[in-house]
Amino acid sequence: MTDTQRKELTDLQKGEILALDAEHESQRKMSKKLKIPRQTIQNFLQRFKKRGTHENLPRSGRPHITTKTQDQELCHTALSQPRIKHNRLLKLLKLNISISTLRRRLRMDHIRK
């Protein structure tokens, strides 16, 4: 994840926004108090009023080619054999994925090789 990617509001932040909105606090004051951009607060409140829920919609995107079990096995093997090469790791686990995918799965669990 890069620093330029957007971050989602936490459930705590959403609750604070809704509580301040119920007290008829201005969005500008909410922004200063919570240290969240005013536009983010405005967008959240519009979505909340439109949908009636604070939950985020599911993200689009291609499903993972590996299962959670395969990802866990991959990380466990990478940690137990830190000097193993990427291609050897793929052959050992019999995974039919690219080296880039392998690196992404390891990076998701904060493993660097």
PDB file of N, CA and C in Angstrom:
ATOM      1  N   MET A   1       0.847  -1.177   0.000  1.00  0.00           N
ATOM      2  CA  MET A   1       0.000   0.000   0.000  1.00  0.00           C
ATOM      3  C   MET A   1       0.890   1.237   0.000  1.00  0.00           C
ATOM      4  N   THR A   2       0.613   2.110  -0.908  1.00  0.00           N
ATOM      5  CA  THR A   2       1.416   3.336  -0.958  1.00  0.00           C
ATOM      6  C   THR A   2       0.777   4.402  -0.090  1.00  0.00           C
ATOM      7  N   ASP A   3       1.533   5.445   0.192  1.00  0.00           N
ATOM      8  CA  ASP A   3       1.037   6.523   1.039  1.00  0.00           C
ATOM      9  C   ASP A   3      -0.037   7.358   0.342  1.00  0.00           C
ATOM     10  N   THR A   4      -0.130   7.273  -0.986  1.00  0.00           N
ATOM     11  CA  THR A   4      -1.085   8.103  -1.717  1.00  0.00           C
ATOM     12  C   THR A   4      -2.462   7.457  -1.808  1.00  0.00           C
ATOM     13  N   GLN A   5      -2.598   6.198  -1.391  1.00  0.00           N
ATOM     14  CA  GLN A   5      -3.906   5.566  -1.446  1.00  0.00           C
ATOM     15  C   GLN A   5      -4.815   6.160  -0.380  1.00  0.00           C
ATOM     16  N   ARG A   6      -6.087   6.214  -0.692  1.00  0.00           N
ATOM     17  CA  ARG A   6      -7.060   6.760   0.245  1.00  0.00           C
ATOM     18  C   ARG A   6      -7.300   5.771   1.368  1.00  0.00           C
ATOM     19  N   LYS A   7      -7.598   6.304   2.530  1.00  0.00           N
ATOM     20  CA  LYS A   7      -7.880   5.466   3.673  1.00  0.00           C
ATOM     21  C   LYS A   7      -9.361   5.566   4.011  1.00  0.00           C
ATOM     22  N   GLU A   8      -9.956   4.461   4.412  1.00  0.00           N
ATOM     23  CA  GLU A   8     -11.360   4.453   4.777  1.00  0.00           C
ATOM     24  C   GLU A   8     -11.516   5.016   6.182  1.00  0.00           C
ATOM     25  N   LEU A   9     -12.673   5.605   6.438  1.00  0.00           N
ATOM     26  CA  LEU A   9     -12.992   6.049   7.788  1.00  0.00           C
ATOM     27  C   LEU A   9     -13.194   4.815   8.665  1.00  0.00           C
ATOM     28  N   THR A  10     -12.712   4.871   9.890  1.00  0.00           N
ATOM     29  CA  THR A  10     -12.943   3.769  10.817  1.00  0.00           C
ATOM     30  C   THR A  10     -14.366   3.866  11.338  1.00  0.00           C
ATOM     31  N   ASP A  11     -14.844   2.782  11.938  1.00  0.00           N
ATOM     32  CA  ASP A  11     -16.192   2.802  12.511  1.00  0.00           C
ATOM     33  C   ASP A  11     -16.282   3.841  13.621  1.00  0.00           C
ATOM     34  N   LEU A  12     -15.207   4.030  14.372  1.00  0.00           N
ATOM     35  CA  LEU A  12     -15.182   5.036  15.432  1.00  0.00           C
ATOM     36  C   LEU A  12     -15.351   6.436  14.842  1.00  0.00           C
ATOM     37  N   GLN A  13     -14.610   6.728  13.771  1.00  0.00           N
ATOM     38  CA  GLN A  13     -14.717   8.040  13.126  1.00  0.00           C
ATOM     39  C   GLN A  13     -16.125   8.264  12.584  1.00  0.00           C
ATOM     40  N   LYS A  14     -16.699   7.229  11.974  1.00  0.00           N
ATOM     41  CA  LYS A  14     -18.059   7.346  11.441  1.00  0.00           C
ATOM     42  C   LYS A  14     -19.044   7.651  12.564  1.00  0.00           C
ATOM     43  N   GLY A  15     -18.878   6.958  13.698  1.00  0.00           N
ATOM     44  CA  GLY A  15     -19.754   7.196  14.843  1.00  0.00           C
ATOM     45  C   GLY A  15     -19.618   8.608  15.385  1.00  0.00           C
ATOM     46  N   GLU A  16     -18.372   9.098  15.447  1.00  0.00           N
ATOM     47  CA  GLU A  16     -18.139  10.469  15.923  1.00  0.00           C
ATOM     48  C   GLU A  16     -18.798  11.488  14.997  1.00  0.00           C
ATOM     49  N   ILE A  17     -18.683  11.256  13.694  1.00  0.00           N
ATOM     50  CA  ILE A  17     -19.302  12.168  12.717  1.00  0.00           C
ATOM     51  C   ILE A  17     -20.816  12.179  12.901  1.00  0.00           C
ATOM     52  N   LEU A  18     -21.406  10.985  13.032  1.00  0.00           N
ATOM     53  CA  LEU A  18     -22.864  10.903  13.186  1.00  0.00           C
ATOM     54  C   LEU A  18     -23.322  11.544  14.494  1.00  0.00           C
ATOM     55  N   ALA A  19     -22.531  11.371  15.561  1.00  0.00           N
ATOM     56  CA  ALA A  19     -22.896  11.979  16.850  1.00  0.00           C
ATOM     57  C   ALA A  19     -22.851  13.504  16.755  1.00  0.00           C
ATOM     58  N   LEU A  20     -21.798  14.032  16.130  1.00  0.00           N
ATOM     59  CA  LEU A  20     -21.681  15.483  15.988  1.00  0.00           C
ATOM     60  C   LEU A  20     -22.760  16.031  15.057  1.00  0.00           C
ATOM     61  N   ASP A  21     -23.118  15.238  14.042  1.00  0.00           N
ATOM     62  CA  ASP A  21     -24.171  15.660  13.124  1.00  0.00           C
ATOM     63  C   ASP A  21     -25.514  15.718  13.856  1.00  0.00           C
ATOM     64  N   ALA A  22     -25.745  14.771  14.766  1.00  0.00           N
ATOM     65  CA  ALA A  22     -26.982  14.752  15.547  1.00  0.00           C
ATOM     66  C   ALA A  22     -27.065  15.973  16.467  1.00  0.00           C
ATOM     67  N   GLU A  23     -25.899  16.479  16.875  1.00  0.00           N
ATOM     68  CA  GLU A  23     -25.853  17.685  17.712  1.00  0.00           C
ATOM     69  C   GLU A  23     -25.895  18.957  16.866  1.00  0.00           C
ATOM     70  N   HIS A  24     -26.092  18.807  15.563  1.00  0.00           N
ATOM     71  CA  HIS A  24     -26.162  19.919  14.601  1.00  0.00           C
ATOM     72  C   HIS A  24     -24.864  20.732  14.569  1.00  0.00           C
ATOM     73  N   GLU A  25     -23.736  20.022  14.725  1.00  0.00           N
ATOM     74  CA  GLU A  25     -22.415  20.647  14.615  1.00  0.00           C
ATOM     75  C   GLU A  25     -22.145  20.913  13.132  1.00  0.00           C
ATOM     76  N   SER A  26     -21.503  22.024  12.821  1.00  0.00           N
ATOM     77  CA  SER A  26     -21.202  22.318  11.418  1.00  0.00           C
ATOM     78  C   SER A  26     -20.098  21.379  10.924  1.00  0.00           C
ATOM     79  N   GLN A  27     -20.087  21.140   9.619  1.00  0.00           N
ATOM     80  CA  GLN A  27     -19.075  20.261   9.038  1.00  0.00           C
ATOM     81  C   GLN A  27     -17.672  20.840   9.207  1.00  0.00           C
ATOM     82  N   ARG A  28     -17.567  22.148   9.177  1.00  0.00           N
ATOM     83  CA  ARG A  28     -16.263  22.793   9.356  1.00  0.00           C
ATOM     84  C   ARG A  28     -15.728  22.524  10.773  1.00  0.00           C
ATOM     85  N   LYS A  29     -16.593  22.646  11.775  1.00  0.00           N
ATOM     86  CA  LYS A  29     -16.183  22.383  13.155  1.00  0.00           C
ATOM     87  C   LYS A  29     -15.856  20.898  13.358  1.00  0.00           C
ATOM     88  N   MET A  30     -16.667  20.025  12.728  1.00  0.00           N
ATOM     89  CA  MET A  30     -16.386  18.582  12.807  1.00  0.00           C
ATOM     90  C   MET A  30     -15.014  18.287  12.232  1.00  0.00           C
ATOM     91  N   SER A  31     -14.720  18.921  11.117  1.00  0.00           N
ATOM     92  CA  SER A  31     -13.442  18.718  10.439  1.00  0.00           C
ATOM     93  C   SER A  31     -12.272  19.094  11.339  1.00  0.00           C
ATOM     94  N   LYS A  32     -12.380  20.234  11.986  1.00  0.00           N
ATOM     95  CA  LYS A  32     -11.307  20.682  12.877  1.00  0.00           C
ATOM     96  C   LYS A  32     -11.189  19.777  14.097  1.00  0.00           C
ATOM     97  N   LYS A  33     -12.315  19.406  14.675  1.00  0.00           N
ATOM     98  CA  LYS A  33     -12.325  18.600  15.887  1.00  0.00           C
ATOM     99  C   LYS A  33     -11.776  17.188  15.638  1.00  0.00           C
ATOM    100  N   LEU A  34     -12.180  16.578  14.518  1.00  0.00           N
ATOM    101  CA  LEU A  34     -11.803  15.190  14.226  1.00  0.00           C
ATOM    102  C   LEU A  34     -10.558  15.077  13.353  1.00  0.00           C
ATOM    103  N   LYS A  35     -10.073  16.223  12.835  1.00  0.00           N
ATOM    104  CA  LYS A  35      -8.905  16.237  11.939  1.00  0.00           C
ATOM    105  C   LYS A  35      -9.140  15.350  10.706  1.00  0.00           C
ATOM    106  N   ILE A  36     -10.329  15.518  10.136  1.00  0.00           N
ATOM    107  CA  ILE A  36     -10.723  14.821   8.914  1.00  0.00           C
ATOM    108  C   ILE A  36     -11.120  15.899   7.919  1.00  0.00           C
ATOM    109  N   PRO A  37     -10.732  15.782   6.645  1.00  0.00           N
ATOM    110  CA  PRO A  37     -11.120  16.809   5.670  1.00  0.00           C
ATOM    111  C   PRO A  37     -12.643  17.006   5.627  1.00  0.00           C
ATOM    112  N   ARG A  38     -13.060  18.268   5.478  1.00  0.00           N
ATOM    113  CA  ARG A  38     -14.475  18.601   5.449  1.00  0.00           C
ATOM    114  C   ARG A  38     -15.198  17.866   4.327  1.00  0.00           C
ATOM    115  N   GLN A  39     -14.550  17.750   3.183  1.00  0.00           N
ATOM    116  CA  GLN A  39     -15.161  17.075   2.034  1.00  0.00           C
ATOM    117  C   GLN A  39     -15.429  15.601   2.353  1.00  0.00           C
ATOM    118  N   THR A  40     -14.543  14.973   3.101  1.00  0.00           N
ATOM    119  CA  THR A  40     -14.741  13.573   3.493  1.00  0.00           C
ATOM    120  C   THR A  40     -15.975  13.448   4.379  1.00  0.00           C
ATOM    121  N   ILE A  41     -16.114  14.369   5.320  1.00  0.00           N
ATOM    122  CA  ILE A  41     -17.276  14.367   6.211  1.00  0.00           C
ATOM    123  C   ILE A  41     -18.553  14.587   5.403  1.00  0.00           C
ATOM    124  N   GLN A  42     -18.526  15.541   4.494  1.00  0.00           N
ATOM    125  CA  GLN A  42     -19.690  15.823   3.662  1.00  0.00           C
ATOM    126  C   GLN A  42     -20.084  14.602   2.833  1.00  0.00           C
ATOM    127  N   ASN A  43     -19.096  13.969   2.200  1.00  0.00           N
ATOM    128  CA  ASN A  43     -19.370  12.793   1.378  1.00  0.00           C
ATOM    129  C   ASN A  43     -19.943  11.652   2.216  1.00  0.00           C
ATOM    130  N   PHE A  44     -19.364  11.432   3.405  1.00  0.00           N
ATOM    131  CA  PHE A  44     -19.864  10.368   4.269  1.00  0.00           C
ATOM    132  C   PHE A  44     -21.318  10.609   4.665  1.00  0.00           C
ATOM    133  N   LEU A  45     -21.630  11.837   5.073  1.00  0.00           N
ATOM    134  CA  LEU A  45     -23.002  12.142   5.502  1.00  0.00           C
ATOM    135  C   LEU A  45     -23.997  12.001   4.352  1.00  0.00           C
ATOM    136  N   GLN A  46     -23.592  12.390   3.144  1.00  0.00           N
ATOM    137  CA  GLN A  46     -24.467  12.221   1.977  1.00  0.00           C
ATOM    138  C   GLN A  46     -24.726  10.733   1.718  1.00  0.00           C
ATOM    139  N   ARG A  47     -23.656   9.931   1.771  1.00  0.00           N
ATOM    140  CA  ARG A  47     -23.815   8.484   1.553  1.00  0.00           C
ATOM    141  C   ARG A  47     -24.687   7.868   2.645  1.00  0.00           C
ATOM    142  N   PHE A  48     -24.491   8.298   3.886  1.00  0.00           N
ATOM    143  CA  PHE A  48     -25.268   7.760   5.002  1.00  0.00           C
ATOM    144  C   PHE A  48     -26.751   8.068   4.831  1.00  0.00           C
ATOM    145  N   LYS A  49     -27.066   9.300   4.448  1.00  0.00           N
ATOM    146  CA  LYS A  49     -28.469   9.685   4.275  1.00  0.00           C
ATOM    147  C   LYS A  49     -29.101   8.956   3.081  1.00  0.00           C
ATOM    148  N   LYS A  50     -28.308   8.707   2.050  1.00  0.00           N
ATOM    149  CA  LYS A  50     -28.820   8.032   0.861  1.00  0.00           C
ATOM    150  C   LYS A  50     -29.048   6.542   1.120  1.00  0.00           C
ATOM    151  N   ARG A  51     -28.083   5.874   1.785  1.00  0.00           N
ATOM    152  CA  ARG A  51     -28.149   4.429   1.989  1.00  0.00           C
ATOM    153  C   ARG A  51     -28.797   4.022   3.299  1.00  0.00           C
ATOM    154  N   GLY A  52     -28.747   4.896   4.300  1.00  0.00           N
ATOM    155  CA  GLY A  52     -29.304   4.556   5.602  1.00  0.00           C
ATOM    156  C   GLY A  52     -28.404   3.671   6.446  1.00  0.00           C
ATOM    157  N   THR A  53     -27.169   3.487   6.026  1.00  0.00           N
ATOM    158  CA  THR A  53     -26.212   2.682   6.780  1.00  0.00           C
ATOM    159  C   THR A  53     -24.818   3.289   6.649  1.00  0.00           C
ATOM    160  N   HIS A  54     -23.985   3.007   7.632  1.00  0.00           N
ATOM    161  CA  HIS A  54     -22.609   3.533   7.586  1.00  0.00           C
ATOM    162  C   HIS A  54     -21.648   2.559   6.913  1.00  0.00           C
ATOM    163  N   GLU A  55     -22.126   1.351   6.567  1.00  0.00           N
ATOM    164  CA  GLU A  55     -21.266   0.326   5.973  1.00  0.00           C
ATOM    165  C   GLU A  55     -20.790   0.737   4.582  1.00  0.00           C
ATOM    166  N   ASN A  56     -19.562   0.348   4.257  1.00  0.00           N
ATOM    167  CA  ASN A  56     -19.016   0.596   2.927  1.00  0.00           C
ATOM    168  C   ASN A  56     -19.513  -0.475   1.969  1.00  0.00           C
ATOM    169  N   LEU A  57     -19.650  -0.113   0.711  1.00  0.00           N
ATOM    170  CA  LEU A  57     -20.019  -1.089  -0.307  1.00  0.00           C
ATOM    171  C   LEU A  57     -18.810  -1.970  -0.595  1.00  0.00           C
ATOM    172  N   PRO A  58     -19.048  -3.214  -1.039  1.00  0.00           N
ATOM    173  CA  PRO A  58     -17.908  -4.065  -1.385  1.00  0.00           C
ATOM    174  C   PRO A  58     -17.107  -3.466  -2.539  1.00  0.00           C
ATOM    175  N   ARG A  59     -15.814  -3.657  -2.500  1.00  0.00           N
ATOM    176  CA  ARG A  59     -14.936  -3.133  -3.545  1.00  0.00           C
ATOM    177  C   ARG A  59     -14.973  -4.046  -4.766  1.00  0.00           C
ATOM    178  N   SER A  60     -14.841  -3.427  -5.913  1.00  0.00           N
ATOM    179  CA  SER A  60     -14.767  -4.211  -7.132  1.00  0.00           C
ATOM    180  C   SER A  60     -13.338  -4.714  -7.288  1.00  0.00           C
ATOM    181  N   GLY A  61     -13.146  -5.589  -8.194  1.00  0.00           N
ATOM    182  CA  GLY A  61     -11.802  -6.082  -8.457  1.00  0.00           C
ATOM    183  C   GLY A  61     -11.808  -7.583  -8.681  1.00  0.00           C
ATOM    184  N   ARG A  62     -10.748  -8.046  -9.264  1.00  0.00           N
ATOM    185  CA  ARG A  62     -10.635  -9.451  -9.569  1.00  0.00           C
ATOM    186  C   ARG A  62     -10.433 -10.251  -8.289  1.00  0.00           C
ATOM    187  N   PRO A  63     -11.103 -11.404  -8.156  1.00  0.00           N
ATOM    188  CA  PRO A  63     -10.897 -12.241  -6.973  1.00  0.00           C
ATOM    189  C   PRO A  63      -9.485 -12.827  -6.960  1.00  0.00           C
ATOM    190  N   HIS A  64      -8.977 -13.122  -5.768  1.00  0.00           N
ATOM    191  CA  HIS A  64      -7.645 -13.718  -5.655  1.00  0.00           C
ATOM    192  C   HIS A  64      -7.627 -15.085  -6.315  1.00  0.00           C
ATOM    193  N   ILE A  65      -6.515 -15.417  -6.943  1.00  0.00           N
ATOM    194  CA  ILE A  65      -6.349 -16.718  -7.583  1.00  0.00           C
ATOM    195  C   ILE A  65      -5.990 -17.779  -6.547  1.00  0.00           C
ATOM    196  N   THR A  66      -5.458 -17.330  -5.412  1.00  0.00           N
ATOM    197  CA  THR A  66      -5.093 -18.257  -4.347  1.00  0.00           C
ATOM    198  C   THR A  66      -6.145 -18.215  -3.240  1.00  0.00           C
ATOM    199  N   THR A  67      -6.260 -19.327  -2.533  1.00  0.00           N
ATOM    200  CA  THR A  67      -7.191 -19.383  -1.410  1.00  0.00           C
ATOM    201  C   THR A  67      -6.489 -18.878  -0.157  1.00  0.00           C
ATOM    202  N   LYS A  68      -7.254 -18.628   0.895  1.00  0.00           N
ATOM    203  CA  LYS A  68      -6.666 -18.189   2.162  1.00  0.00           C
ATOM    204  C   LYS A  68      -5.727 -19.261   2.711  1.00  0.00           C
ATOM    205  N   THR A  69      -6.095 -20.514   2.539  1.00  0.00           N
ATOM    206  CA  THR A  69      -5.254 -21.623   3.007  1.00  0.00           C
ATOM    207  C   THR A  69      -3.923 -21.627   2.264  1.00  0.00           C
ATOM    208  N   GLN A  70      -3.968 -21.436   0.955  1.00  0.00           N
ATOM    209  CA  GLN A  70      -2.737 -21.393   0.168  1.00  0.00           C
ATOM    210  C   GLN A  70      -1.869 -20.210   0.592  1.00  0.00           C
ATOM    211  N   ASP A  71      -2.502 -19.067   0.849  1.00  0.00           N
ATOM    212  CA  ASP A  71      -1.755 -17.885   1.293  1.00  0.00           C
ATOM    213  C   ASP A  71      -1.078 -18.147   2.633  1.00  0.00           C
ATOM    214  N   GLN A  72      -1.794 -18.789   3.557  1.00  0.00           N
ATOM    215  CA  GLN A  72      -1.224 -19.106   4.869  1.00  0.00           C
ATOM    216  C   GLN A  72      -0.058 -20.069   4.733  1.00  0.00           C
ATOM    217  N   GLU A  73      -0.229 -21.093   3.900  1.00  0.00           N
ATOM    218  CA  GLU A  73       0.837 -22.078   3.679  1.00  0.00           C
ATOM    219  C   GLU A  73       2.062 -21.411   3.047  1.00  0.00           C
ATOM    220  N   LEU A  74       1.814 -20.523   2.111  1.00  0.00           N
ATOM    221  CA  LEU A  74       2.883 -19.777   1.458  1.00  0.00           C
ATOM    222  C   LEU A  74       3.678 -18.961   2.476  1.00  0.00           C
ATOM    223  N   CYS A  75       2.985 -18.236   3.325  1.00  0.00           N
ATOM    224  CA  CYS A  75       3.649 -17.402   4.330  1.00  0.00           C
ATOM    225  C   CYS A  75       4.387 -18.248   5.351  1.00  0.00           C
ATOM    226  N   HIS A  76       3.761 -19.348   5.775  1.00  0.00           N
ATOM    227  CA  HIS A  76       4.414 -20.228   6.742  1.00  0.00           C
ATOM    228  C   HIS A  76       5.712 -20.805   6.173  1.00  0.00           C
ATOM    229  N   THR A  77       5.653 -21.265   4.924  1.00  0.00           N
ATOM    230  CA  THR A  77       6.843 -21.839   4.284  1.00  0.00           C
ATOM    231  C   THR A  77       7.921 -20.780   4.086  1.00  0.00           C
ATOM    232  N   ALA A  78       7.522 -19.587   3.680  1.00  0.00           N
ATOM    233  CA  ALA A  78       8.489 -18.509   3.467  1.00  0.00           C
ATOM    234  C   ALA A  78       9.178 -18.126   4.774  1.00  0.00           C
ATOM    235  N   LEU A  79       8.437 -18.137   5.876  1.00  0.00           N
ATOM    236  CA  LEU A  79       9.032 -17.801   7.171  1.00  0.00           C
ATOM    237  C   LEU A  79       9.911 -18.929   7.706  1.00  0.00           C
ATOM    238  N   SER A  80       9.496 -20.181   7.477  1.00  0.00           N
ATOM    239  CA  SER A  80      10.283 -21.304   7.992  1.00  0.00           C
ATOM    240  C   SER A  80      11.530 -21.576   7.145  1.00  0.00           C
ATOM    241  N   GLN A  81      11.505 -21.162   5.875  1.00  0.00           N
ATOM    242  CA  GLN A  81      12.662 -21.334   4.987  1.00  0.00           C
ATOM    243  C   GLN A  81      13.009 -19.975   4.369  1.00  0.00           C
ATOM    244  N   PRO A  82      13.615 -19.086   5.136  1.00  0.00           N
ATOM    245  CA  PRO A  82      13.813 -17.715   4.662  1.00  0.00           C
ATOM    246  C   PRO A  82      14.746 -17.574   3.458  1.00  0.00           C
ATOM    247  N   ARG A  83      15.593 -18.540   3.202  1.00  0.00           N
ATOM    248  CA  ARG A  83      16.548 -18.416   2.093  1.00  0.00           C
ATOM    249  C   ARG A  83      16.058 -19.049   0.787  1.00  0.00           C
ATOM    250  N   ILE A  84      14.863 -19.598   0.787  1.00  0.00           N
ATOM    251  CA  ILE A  84      14.346 -20.261  -0.419  1.00  0.00           C
ATOM    252  C   ILE A  84      14.018 -19.215  -1.491  1.00  0.00           C
ATOM    253  N   LYS A  85      14.352 -19.542  -2.722  1.00  0.00           N
ATOM    254  CA  LYS A  85      14.088 -18.647  -3.851  1.00  0.00           C
ATOM    255  C   LYS A  85      12.599 -18.696  -4.214  1.00  0.00           C
ATOM    256  N   HIS A  86      12.136 -17.624  -4.853  1.00  0.00           N
ATOM    257  CA  HIS A  86      10.716 -17.525  -5.205  1.00  0.00           C
ATOM    258  C   HIS A  86      10.261 -18.685  -6.093  1.00  0.00           C
ATOM    259  N   ASN A  87      11.028 -19.000  -7.151  1.00  0.00           N
ATOM    260  CA  ASN A  87      10.593 -20.069  -8.062  1.00  0.00           C
ATOM    261  C   ASN A  87      10.588 -21.421  -7.352  1.00  0.00           C
ATOM    262  N   ARG A  88      11.540 -21.636  -6.460  1.00  0.00           N
ATOM    263  CA  ARG A  88      11.579 -22.891  -5.700  1.00  0.00           C
ATOM    264  C   ARG A  88      10.361 -22.977  -4.770  1.00  0.00           C
ATOM    265  N   LEU A  89       9.979 -21.868  -4.194  1.00  0.00           N
ATOM    266  CA  LEU A  89       8.812 -21.809  -3.313  1.00  0.00           C
ATOM    267  C   LEU A  89       7.538 -22.155  -4.094  1.00  0.00           C
ATOM    268  N   LEU A  90       7.423 -21.638  -5.312  1.00  0.00           N
ATOM    269  CA  LEU A  90       6.267 -21.949  -6.155  1.00  0.00           C
ATOM    270  C   LEU A  90       6.191 -23.444  -6.469  1.00  0.00           C
ATOM    271  N   LYS A  91       7.347 -24.030  -6.817  1.00  0.00           N
ATOM    272  CA  LYS A  91       7.385 -25.466  -7.146  1.00  0.00           C
ATOM    273  C   LYS A  91       7.088 -26.320  -5.921  1.00  0.00           C
ATOM    274  N   LEU A  92       7.633 -25.927  -4.790  1.00  0.00           N
ATOM    275  CA  LEU A  92       7.444 -26.680  -3.554  1.00  0.00           C
ATOM    276  C   LEU A  92       5.970 -26.736  -3.155  1.00  0.00           C
ATOM    277  N   LEU A  93       5.282 -25.617  -3.308  1.00  0.00           N
ATOM    278  CA  LEU A  93       3.872 -25.548  -2.919  1.00  0.00           C
ATOM    279  C   LEU A  93       2.921 -25.892  -4.065  1.00  0.00           C
ATOM    280  N   LYS A  94       3.482 -26.142  -5.253  1.00  0.00           N
ATOM    281  CA  LYS A  94       2.692 -26.480  -6.441  1.00  0.00           C
ATOM    282  C   LYS A  94       1.645 -25.419  -6.741  1.00  0.00           C
ATOM    283  N   LEU A  95       2.075 -24.174  -6.702  1.00  0.00           N
ATOM    284  CA  LEU A  95       1.187 -23.058  -7.014  1.00  0.00           C
ATOM    285  C   LEU A  95       1.398 -22.610  -8.448  1.00  0.00           C
ATOM    286  N   ASN A  96       0.318 -22.350  -9.146  1.00  0.00           N
ATOM    287  CA  ASN A  96       0.406 -21.896 -10.527  1.00  0.00           C
ATOM    288  C   ASN A  96       0.094 -20.393 -10.564  1.00  0.00           C
ATOM    289  N   ILE A  97       1.004 -19.610  -9.978  1.00  0.00           N
ATOM    290  CA  ILE A  97       0.841 -18.157  -9.932  1.00  0.00           C
ATOM    291  C   ILE A  97       2.152 -17.515 -10.375  1.00  0.00           C
ATOM    292  N   SER A  98       2.096 -16.251 -10.725  1.00  0.00           N
ATOM    293  CA  SER A  98       3.308 -15.548 -11.152  1.00  0.00           C
ATOM    294  C   SER A  98       4.136 -15.137  -9.937  1.00  0.00           C
ATOM    295  N   ILE A  99       5.392 -14.810 -10.201  1.00  0.00           N
ATOM    296  CA  ILE A  99       6.290 -14.342  -9.140  1.00  0.00           C
ATOM    297  C   ILE A  99       5.735 -13.041  -8.540  1.00  0.00           C
ATOM    298  N   SER A 100       5.135 -12.191  -9.379  1.00  0.00           N
ATOM    299  CA  SER A 100       4.559 -10.935  -8.885  1.00  0.00           C
ATOM    300  C   SER A 100       3.437 -11.202  -7.885  1.00  0.00           C
ATOM    301  N   THR A 101       2.585 -12.167  -8.196  1.00  0.00           N
ATOM    302  CA  THR A 101       1.498 -12.520  -7.288  1.00  0.00           C
ATOM    303  C   THR A 101       2.072 -13.076  -5.990  1.00  0.00           C
ATOM    304  N   LEU A 102       3.074 -13.922  -6.109  1.00  0.00           N
ATOM    305  CA  LEU A 102       3.737 -14.478  -4.926  1.00  0.00           C
ATOM    306  C   LEU A 102       4.269 -13.362  -4.035  1.00  0.00           C
ATOM    307  N   ARG A 103       4.940 -12.402  -4.624  1.00  0.00           N
ATOM    308  CA  ARG A 103       5.493 -11.281  -3.850  1.00  0.00           C
ATOM    309  C   ARG A 103       4.381 -10.464  -3.187  1.00  0.00           C
ATOM    310  N   ARG A 104       3.286 -10.237  -3.924  1.00  0.00           N
ATOM    311  CA  ARG A 104       2.155  -9.486  -3.356  1.00  0.00           C
ATOM    312  C   ARG A 104       1.561 -10.206  -2.155  1.00  0.00           C
ATOM    313  N   ARG A 105       1.397 -11.527  -2.263  1.00  0.00           N
ATOM    314  CA  ARG A 105       0.831 -12.306  -1.148  1.00  0.00           C
ATOM    315  C   ARG A 105       1.749 -12.236   0.070  1.00  0.00           C
ATOM    316  N   LEU A 106       3.049 -12.306  -0.146  1.00  0.00           N
ATOM    317  CA  LEU A 106       3.985 -12.221   0.972  1.00  0.00           C
ATOM    318  C   LEU A 106       3.976 -10.817   1.573  1.00  0.00           C
ATOM    319  N   ARG A 107       3.915  -9.808   0.708  1.00  0.00           N
ATOM    320  CA  ARG A 107       3.908  -8.419   1.172  1.00  0.00           C
ATOM    321  C   ARG A 107       2.660  -8.122   1.995  1.00  0.00           C
ATOM    322  N   MET A 108       1.534  -8.768   1.653  1.00  0.00           N
ATOM    323  CA  MET A 108       0.301  -8.578   2.420  1.00  0.00           C
ATOM    324  C   MET A 108       0.500  -8.972   3.883  1.00  0.00           C
ATOM    325  N   ASP A 109       1.366  -9.955   4.119  1.00  0.00           N
ATOM    326  CA  ASP A 109       1.658 -10.399   5.494  1.00  0.00           C
ATOM    327  C   ASP A 109       2.974  -9.838   5.993  1.00  0.00           C
ATOM    328  N   HIS A 110       3.445  -8.780   5.362  1.00  0.00           N
ATOM    329  CA  HIS A 110       4.662  -8.058   5.775  1.00  0.00           C
ATOM    330  C   HIS A 110       5.903  -8.965   5.762  1.00  0.00           C
ATOM    331  N   ILE A 111       5.980  -9.830   4.761  1.00  0.00           N
ATOM    332  CA  ILE A 111       7.146 -10.693   4.604  1.00  0.00           C
ATOM    333  C   ILE A 111       7.929 -10.226   3.402  1.00  0.00           C
ATOM    334  N   ARG A 112       9.196  -9.943   3.614  1.00  0.00           N
ATOM    335  CA  ARG A 112      10.078  -9.541   2.512  1.00  0.00           C
ATOM    336  C   ARG A 112      11.123 -10.607   2.334  1.00  0.00           C
ATOM    337  N   LYS A 113      11.425 -10.923   1.090  1.00  0.00           N
ATOM    338  CA  LYS A 113      12.459 -11.922   0.811  1.00  0.00           C
ATOM    339  C   LYS A 113      13.616 -11.239   0.115  1.00  0.00           C
TER     340      LYS A 113
END
